[in-house]
Amino acid sequence: MNIKILLLIILFWLVQSSIFAQNSIAKNTINDQQKVLLISSTAGSTLLIGSVSYFAFYKNVEHVRFHFINDNKGFLQVDKLIHSYGSYMATSVWYNGLIYAGINKDKALLLGGVMGSVPLTPKEIFDGFNMGGGFSWGDILANVTGPAFFVGQELLFDEQILKYKSSFSRSYYADQANGYLGKTILKSYFKDFNGHTYWLSININKIIPKMNVPDWISLSTGYSANGMFGLYENIKSYNGIEIPVTQRYRQFLFSLDVDWSQINVKSKFLRIMFYGLNFIKVPFPAIEFNSKGHFKGYWIYF
């Protein structure tokens, strides 16, 4: 994936956020301009994500007859969290967009939940024709769990008590993989599953009200995995270069985080920025417990 495609993705999310991500500005009427923005963003986002998926992953691969695959054990489920997190984020954007456009909450949750599961679905169709892949019902289920998690919290608590977040840092395994996990940080983001961590953050005052800490301070628990040079098991070499033997293992992490939605600002620009930042885990010290039975501490975990 080149930098132009990445910039298109970033631009898409910025436009979506700037138009829609303003919970506090729900309107009872929708004007013609808002209708145009809503319809065009719906069509544009679906087309953009489908196009990016095709040109980034499938343009130069061999195509076969449509087939299915059970990859639920692949990458120690990190890829399933990618689907779940992406659909959760999309649902949030759609829901807030519909609220901003004047749609009532029940309808916004229904439509937002449905639309939130759509963006990552074209990738599954492409996978179904991919020689090295296949249509995965596990991925489809993950695409649904993200919206369900968002909608469920709104119905139960009228807010997102648990914030679903992610962090990424190119792993040192990528330097050992001779390009298999990506030679640049941009390519590694899509190939190096070792670098992905997915978090659930909750405000400390929601757990222990008497602590009386600032509302923007949160506790966060995360999941990641390491030692992966392949979907189910590690490959031994790539492009003629031997890949080191490593043990695949799971990581469970505990850290602090920032809830940007609890920081009151008057600037519209900052509100939009904070909305986007609230999908990303802030680097903090962390403690890890992994499936090898080891504890590990980090001064800063990215």
Protein backbone atom coordinates (compact mmCIF):
# COMPACT_ATOMS: atom_id res chain seq x y z
CA MET A 1 0.00 0.00 0.00
CA ASN A 2 1.46 3.37 -0.99
CA ILE A 3 1.25 6.66 0.82
CA LYS A 4 -1.46 8.03 -1.49
CA ILE A 5 -3.87 5.27 -0.53
CA LEU A 6 -3.12 5.77 3.15
CA LEU A 7 -3.76 9.49 2.84
CA LEU A 8 -7.09 8.75 1.17
CA ILE A 9 -8.08 6.58 4.12
CA ILE A 10 -7.04 9.26 6.61
CA LEU A 11 -8.89 11.92 4.62
CA PHE A 12 -12.02 9.78 4.58
CA TRP A 13 -12.06 9.39 8.36
CA LEU A 14 -11.33 13.08 8.89
CA VAL A 15 -14.20 14.08 6.62
CA GLN A 16 -16.53 11.61 8.26
CA SER A 17 -15.58 12.81 11.73
CA SER A 18 -15.74 16.51 10.89
CA ILE A 19 -19.24 16.15 9.46
CA PHE A 20 -20.79 13.70 11.84
CA ALA A 21 -18.93 13.11 15.09
CA GLN A 22 -20.63 15.71 17.25
CA ASN A 23 -22.90 13.97 19.73
CA SER A 24 -23.88 17.17 21.46
CA ILE A 25 -25.24 18.85 18.31
CA ALA A 26 -28.26 16.69 17.52
CA LYS A 27 -30.73 18.53 15.28
CA ASN A 28 -34.40 17.88 14.79
CA THR A 29 -34.41 18.88 11.15
CA ILE A 30 -32.21 17.95 8.23
CA ASN A 31 -31.56 20.38 5.41
CA ASP A 32 -30.74 19.60 1.78
CA GLN A 33 -27.00 20.08 2.31
CA GLN A 34 -26.95 17.57 5.15
CA LYS A 35 -28.91 15.08 3.02
CA VAL A 36 -26.35 15.39 0.25
CA LEU A 37 -23.49 14.95 2.70
CA LEU A 38 -25.12 11.91 4.29
CA ILE A 39 -25.91 10.17 1.00
CA SER A 40 -22.58 10.98 -0.62
CA SER A 41 -20.59 9.84 2.41
CA THR A 42 -22.54 6.57 2.49
CA ALA A 43 -21.80 5.79 -1.13
CA GLY A 44 -18.31 7.22 -1.06
CA SER A 45 -17.14 5.35 2.02
CA THR A 46 -18.36 2.00 0.70
CA LEU A 47 -16.71 2.60 -2.66
CA LEU A 48 -13.49 3.89 -1.13
CA ILE A 49 -12.99 1.02 1.30
CA GLY A 50 -13.84 -1.53 -1.37
CA SER A 51 -11.40 0.07 -3.83
CA VAL A 52 -8.62 0.35 -1.26
CA SER A 53 -9.09 -3.30 -0.31
CA TYR A 54 -8.87 -4.42 -3.92
CA PHE A 55 -5.85 -2.40 -5.00
CA ALA A 56 -3.96 -2.93 -1.74
CA PHE A 57 -4.44 -6.67 -1.39
CA TYR A 58 -5.95 -8.36 -4.45
CA LYS A 59 -4.99 -6.66 -7.68
CA ASN A 60 -1.92 -8.81 -8.33
CA VAL A 61 -2.96 -12.09 -6.69
CA GLU A 62 -4.17 -15.20 -8.49
CA HIS A 63 -7.95 -15.55 -8.54
CA VAL A 64 -9.82 -18.84 -8.19
CA ARG A 65 -13.42 -19.97 -7.84
CA PHE A 66 -15.26 -18.52 -4.85
CA HIS A 67 -14.57 -20.64 -1.76
CA PHE A 68 -14.80 -20.57 2.03
CA ILE A 69 -12.17 -20.88 4.75
CA ASN A 70 -12.21 -21.40 8.50
CA ASP A 71 -9.44 -19.14 9.79
CA ASN A 72 -10.74 -18.67 13.32
CA LYS A 73 -7.45 -19.86 14.80
CA GLY A 74 -5.37 -17.68 12.51
CA PHE A 75 -2.95 -15.10 13.93
CA LEU A 76 -4.14 -16.06 17.43
CA GLN A 77 -7.36 -14.13 16.74
CA VAL A 78 -5.65 -10.76 16.36
CA ASP A 79 -7.12 -10.40 12.87
CA LYS A 80 -10.61 -10.98 14.27
CA LEU A 81 -10.07 -8.07 16.64
CA ILE A 82 -9.05 -5.94 13.67
CA HIS A 83 -12.43 -6.65 12.08
CA SER A 84 -14.33 -6.11 15.31
CA TYR A 85 -12.54 -2.86 16.11
CA GLY A 86 -12.94 -1.49 12.59
CA SER A 87 -16.67 -2.18 12.55
CA TYR A 88 -17.05 -0.68 16.04
CA MET A 89 -15.35 2.50 14.86
CA ALA A 90 -17.46 2.64 11.71
CA THR A 91 -20.64 2.17 13.75
CA SER A 92 -19.68 5.07 16.00
CA VAL A 93 -19.11 7.33 13.01
CA TRP A 94 -22.39 6.34 11.34
CA TYR A 95 -24.40 6.60 14.56
CA ASN A 96 -23.10 10.06 15.40
CA GLY A 97 -23.63 11.12 11.81
CA LEU A 98 -27.26 10.05 11.89
CA ILE A 99 -27.81 11.77 15.23
CA TYR A 100 -26.28 14.94 13.81
CA ALA A 101 -28.60 14.65 10.81
CA GLY A 102 -31.64 14.64 13.09
CA ILE A 103 -32.45 10.91 13.19
CA ASN A 104 -33.81 9.68 16.54
CA LYS A 105 -31.58 7.48 18.66
CA ASP A 106 -33.34 4.15 18.10
CA LYS A 107 -33.24 4.50 14.33
CA ALA A 108 -29.68 5.84 14.44
CA LEU A 109 -28.56 2.79 16.43
CA LEU A 110 -30.28 0.40 14.04
CA LEU A 111 -28.98 2.04 10.87
CA GLY A 112 -25.57 2.78 12.37
CA GLY A 113 -25.17 -0.81 13.49
CA VAL A 114 -26.05 -2.15 10.07
CA MET A 115 -23.82 0.31 8.23
CA GLY A 116 -20.99 -0.30 10.67
CA SER A 117 -20.77 -3.92 9.60
CA VAL A 118 -20.64 -3.07 5.90
CA PRO A 119 -17.21 -1.42 5.28
CA LEU A 120 -15.12 -4.55 5.92
CA THR A 121 -17.48 -6.94 4.11
CA PRO A 122 -16.18 -6.25 0.55
CA LYS A 123 -12.80 -7.56 1.69
CA GLU A 124 -14.41 -10.92 2.49
CA ILE A 125 -15.87 -11.15 -1.00
CA PHE A 126 -12.45 -10.47 -2.50
CA ASP A 127 -10.96 -13.06 -0.13
CA GLY A 128 -13.43 -15.61 -1.47
CA PHE A 129 -11.79 -15.37 -4.90
CA ASN A 130 -8.25 -15.17 -3.54
CA MET A 131 -5.96 -18.18 -4.11
CA GLY A 132 -4.38 -17.76 -0.68
CA GLY A 133 -7.53 -16.91 1.23
CA GLY A 134 -11.25 -17.59 1.30
CA PHE A 135 -14.54 -16.16 2.50
CA SER A 136 -14.48 -16.35 6.31
CA TRP A 137 -17.67 -16.55 8.35
CA GLY A 138 -15.49 -15.85 11.38
CA ASP A 139 -14.57 -12.48 9.90
CA ILE A 140 -18.23 -11.74 9.17
CA LEU A 141 -19.07 -12.56 12.79
CA ALA A 142 -16.30 -10.24 13.94
CA ASN A 143 -17.73 -7.53 11.68
CA VAL A 144 -21.00 -7.89 13.58
CA THR A 145 -19.59 -8.02 17.12
CA GLY A 146 -18.13 -4.51 16.86
CA PRO A 147 -21.48 -2.86 16.06
CA ALA A 148 -23.22 -5.10 18.62
CA PHE A 149 -20.77 -3.94 21.28
CA PHE A 150 -21.41 -0.29 20.46
CA VAL A 151 -25.20 -0.60 20.18
CA GLY A 152 -25.45 -2.75 23.30
CA GLN A 153 -23.68 -0.19 25.44
CA GLU A 154 -25.86 2.65 24.15
CA LEU A 155 -29.00 0.65 24.94
CA LEU A 156 -27.81 -0.40 28.40
CA PHE A 157 -25.93 2.68 29.59
CA ASP A 158 -26.81 5.45 27.12
CA GLU A 159 -23.06 5.89 26.56
CA GLN A 160 -19.89 3.99 25.76
CA ILE A 161 -18.73 2.85 29.19
CA LEU A 162 -16.03 0.69 27.64
CA LYS A 163 -14.09 2.48 24.93
CA TYR A 164 -12.74 0.14 22.21
CA LYS A 165 -9.27 1.31 21.18
CA SER A 166 -6.18 0.17 19.31
CA SER A 167 -2.46 0.79 19.20
CA PHE A 168 0.22 -0.22 16.73
CA SER A 169 3.98 -0.32 16.79
CA ARG A 170 6.02 -2.13 14.13
CA SER A 171 7.43 -5.21 15.88
CA TYR A 172 11.06 -6.26 15.84
CA TYR A 173 9.92 -9.45 14.12
CA ALA A 174 9.33 -7.38 10.98
CA ASP A 175 13.06 -6.67 10.73
CA GLN A 176 13.72 -10.43 10.79
CA ALA A 177 11.16 -11.34 8.13
CA ASN A 178 12.90 -10.09 4.96
CA GLY A 179 9.79 -8.15 3.90
CA TYR A 180 7.22 -10.82 4.78
CA LEU A 181 5.85 -8.56 7.52
CA GLY A 182 6.39 -5.37 5.54
CA LYS A 183 9.53 -3.36 4.94
CA THR A 184 8.03 -0.01 5.94
CA ILE A 185 5.80 0.96 8.84
CA LEU A 186 2.91 1.54 6.43
CA LYS A 187 3.14 -1.93 4.91
CA SER A 188 3.81 -3.49 8.29
CA TYR A 189 0.54 -2.07 9.59
CA PHE A 190 -1.30 -4.40 7.22
CA LYS A 191 1.07 -7.38 7.46
CA ASP A 192 2.65 -7.37 10.92
CA PHE A 193 -0.04 -8.66 13.25
CA ASN A 194 2.53 -8.79 16.05
CA GLY A 195 2.40 -4.99 16.22
CA HIS A 196 -1.34 -4.69 16.84
CA THR A 197 -2.89 -4.38 20.30
CA TYR A 198 -6.59 -3.92 21.04
CA TRP A 199 -7.83 -2.35 24.25
CA LEU A 200 -10.92 -1.77 26.35
CA SER A 201 -10.67 1.39 28.44
CA ILE A 202 -12.97 2.41 31.28
CA ASN A 203 -13.04 5.55 33.39
CA ILE A 204 -11.60 4.88 36.85
CA ASN A 205 -14.47 6.78 38.50
CA LYS A 206 -16.91 4.33 36.90
CA ILE A 207 -15.24 1.50 38.82
CA ILE A 208 -14.24 3.22 42.07
CA PRO A 209 -16.34 6.38 42.47
CA LYS A 210 -14.75 7.38 45.78
CA MET A 211 -11.29 7.71 44.24
CA ASN A 212 -12.37 11.05 42.77
CA VAL A 213 -9.68 11.14 40.09
CA PRO A 214 -10.08 13.29 36.96
CA ASP A 215 -12.75 11.87 34.65
CA TRP A 216 -10.34 11.63 31.75
CA ILE A 217 -8.11 9.05 33.48
CA SER A 218 -8.98 5.48 32.49
CA LEU A 219 -7.85 1.95 33.17
CA SER A 220 -7.19 -0.14 30.10
CA THR A 221 -6.76 -3.85 29.41
CA GLY A 222 -5.39 -5.05 26.11
CA TYR A 223 -4.77 -8.14 24.01
CA SER A 224 -2.01 -8.82 21.51
CA ALA A 225 0.09 -11.71 20.25
CA ASN A 226 3.72 -12.17 19.28
CA GLY A 227 6.08 -14.46 17.41
CA MET A 228 3.80 -14.81 14.37
CA PHE A 229 5.26 -15.33 10.89
CA GLY A 230 2.18 -16.89 9.35
CA LEU A 231 -1.55 -17.47 9.65
CA TYR A 232 -1.55 -20.77 11.58
CA GLU A 233 2.12 -21.61 11.95
CA ASN A 234 5.37 -19.85 11.20
CA ILE A 235 7.01 -20.08 7.80
CA LYS A 236 10.65 -21.13 7.71
CA SER A 237 11.94 -18.80 5.00
CA TYR A 238 10.87 -15.98 2.74
CA ASN A 239 12.43 -14.95 -0.59
CA GLY A 240 15.34 -17.28 0.07
CA ILE A 241 16.15 -15.91 3.51
CA GLU A 242 15.72 -18.09 6.59
CA ILE A 243 13.32 -16.74 9.24
CA PRO A 244 14.29 -17.28 12.90
CA VAL A 245 12.40 -19.91 14.85
CA THR A 246 10.08 -18.20 17.35
CA GLN A 247 7.31 -19.22 19.74
CA ARG A 248 3.84 -17.87 19.09
CA TYR A 249 2.22 -16.57 22.26
CA ARG A 250 -0.59 -14.37 23.56
CA GLN A 251 -0.15 -11.16 25.55
CA PHE A 252 -2.56 -9.71 28.12
CA LEU A 253 -1.81 -6.13 29.11
CA PHE A 254 -2.86 -3.63 31.77
CA SER A 255 -2.24 0.09 31.50
CA LEU A 256 -3.65 3.60 31.95
CA ASP A 257 -5.33 5.61 29.24
CA VAL A 258 -6.90 8.99 28.43
CA ASP A 259 -10.62 9.41 27.75
CA TRP A 260 -10.58 12.41 25.44
CA SER A 261 -14.38 12.72 25.54
CA GLN A 262 -14.11 13.79 29.19
CA ILE A 263 -11.91 16.78 28.40
CA ASN A 264 -14.14 19.81 27.93
CA VAL A 265 -13.05 22.17 25.18
CA LYS A 266 -14.89 24.96 23.38
CA SER A 267 -13.06 24.61 20.09
CA LYS A 268 -15.02 22.69 17.46
CA PHE A 269 -11.75 21.61 15.87
CA LEU A 270 -10.48 20.15 19.15
CA ARG A 271 -13.77 18.34 19.76
CA ILE A 272 -13.45 16.70 16.37
CA MET A 273 -9.81 15.83 16.99
CA PHE A 274 -10.56 14.40 20.44
CA TYR A 275 -13.33 12.28 18.96
CA GLY A 276 -10.86 10.68 16.56
CA LEU A 277 -8.15 10.32 19.19
CA ASN A 278 -10.53 8.40 21.43
CA PHE A 279 -10.20 5.38 19.13
CA ILE A 280 -6.45 5.24 19.83
CA LYS A 281 -4.82 4.02 23.03
CA VAL A 282 -2.43 6.61 24.47
CA PRO A 283 1.09 5.23 25.14
CA PHE A 284 1.54 4.63 28.87
CA PRO A 285 3.53 2.31 31.14
CA ALA A 286 2.05 -1.19 31.04
CA ILE A 287 2.23 -4.62 32.63
CA GLU A 288 2.10 -7.77 30.52
CA PHE A 289 1.16 -11.31 31.43
CA ASN A 290 1.59 -13.75 28.55
CA SER A 291 0.72 -17.34 27.67
CA LYS A 292 4.32 -18.39 28.34
CA GLY A 293 3.64 -17.66 32.02
CA HIS A 294 5.86 -14.59 32.16
CA PHE A 295 5.25 -11.13 33.59
CA LYS A 296 6.83 -8.15 31.88
CA GLY A 297 6.82 -4.41 32.48
CA TYR A 298 7.09 -1.57 29.97
CA TRP A 299 8.08 1.99 30.77
CA ILE A 300 6.04 2.98 27.72
CA TYR A 301 3.87 0.63 25.67
CA PHE A 302 2.94 1.78 22.17
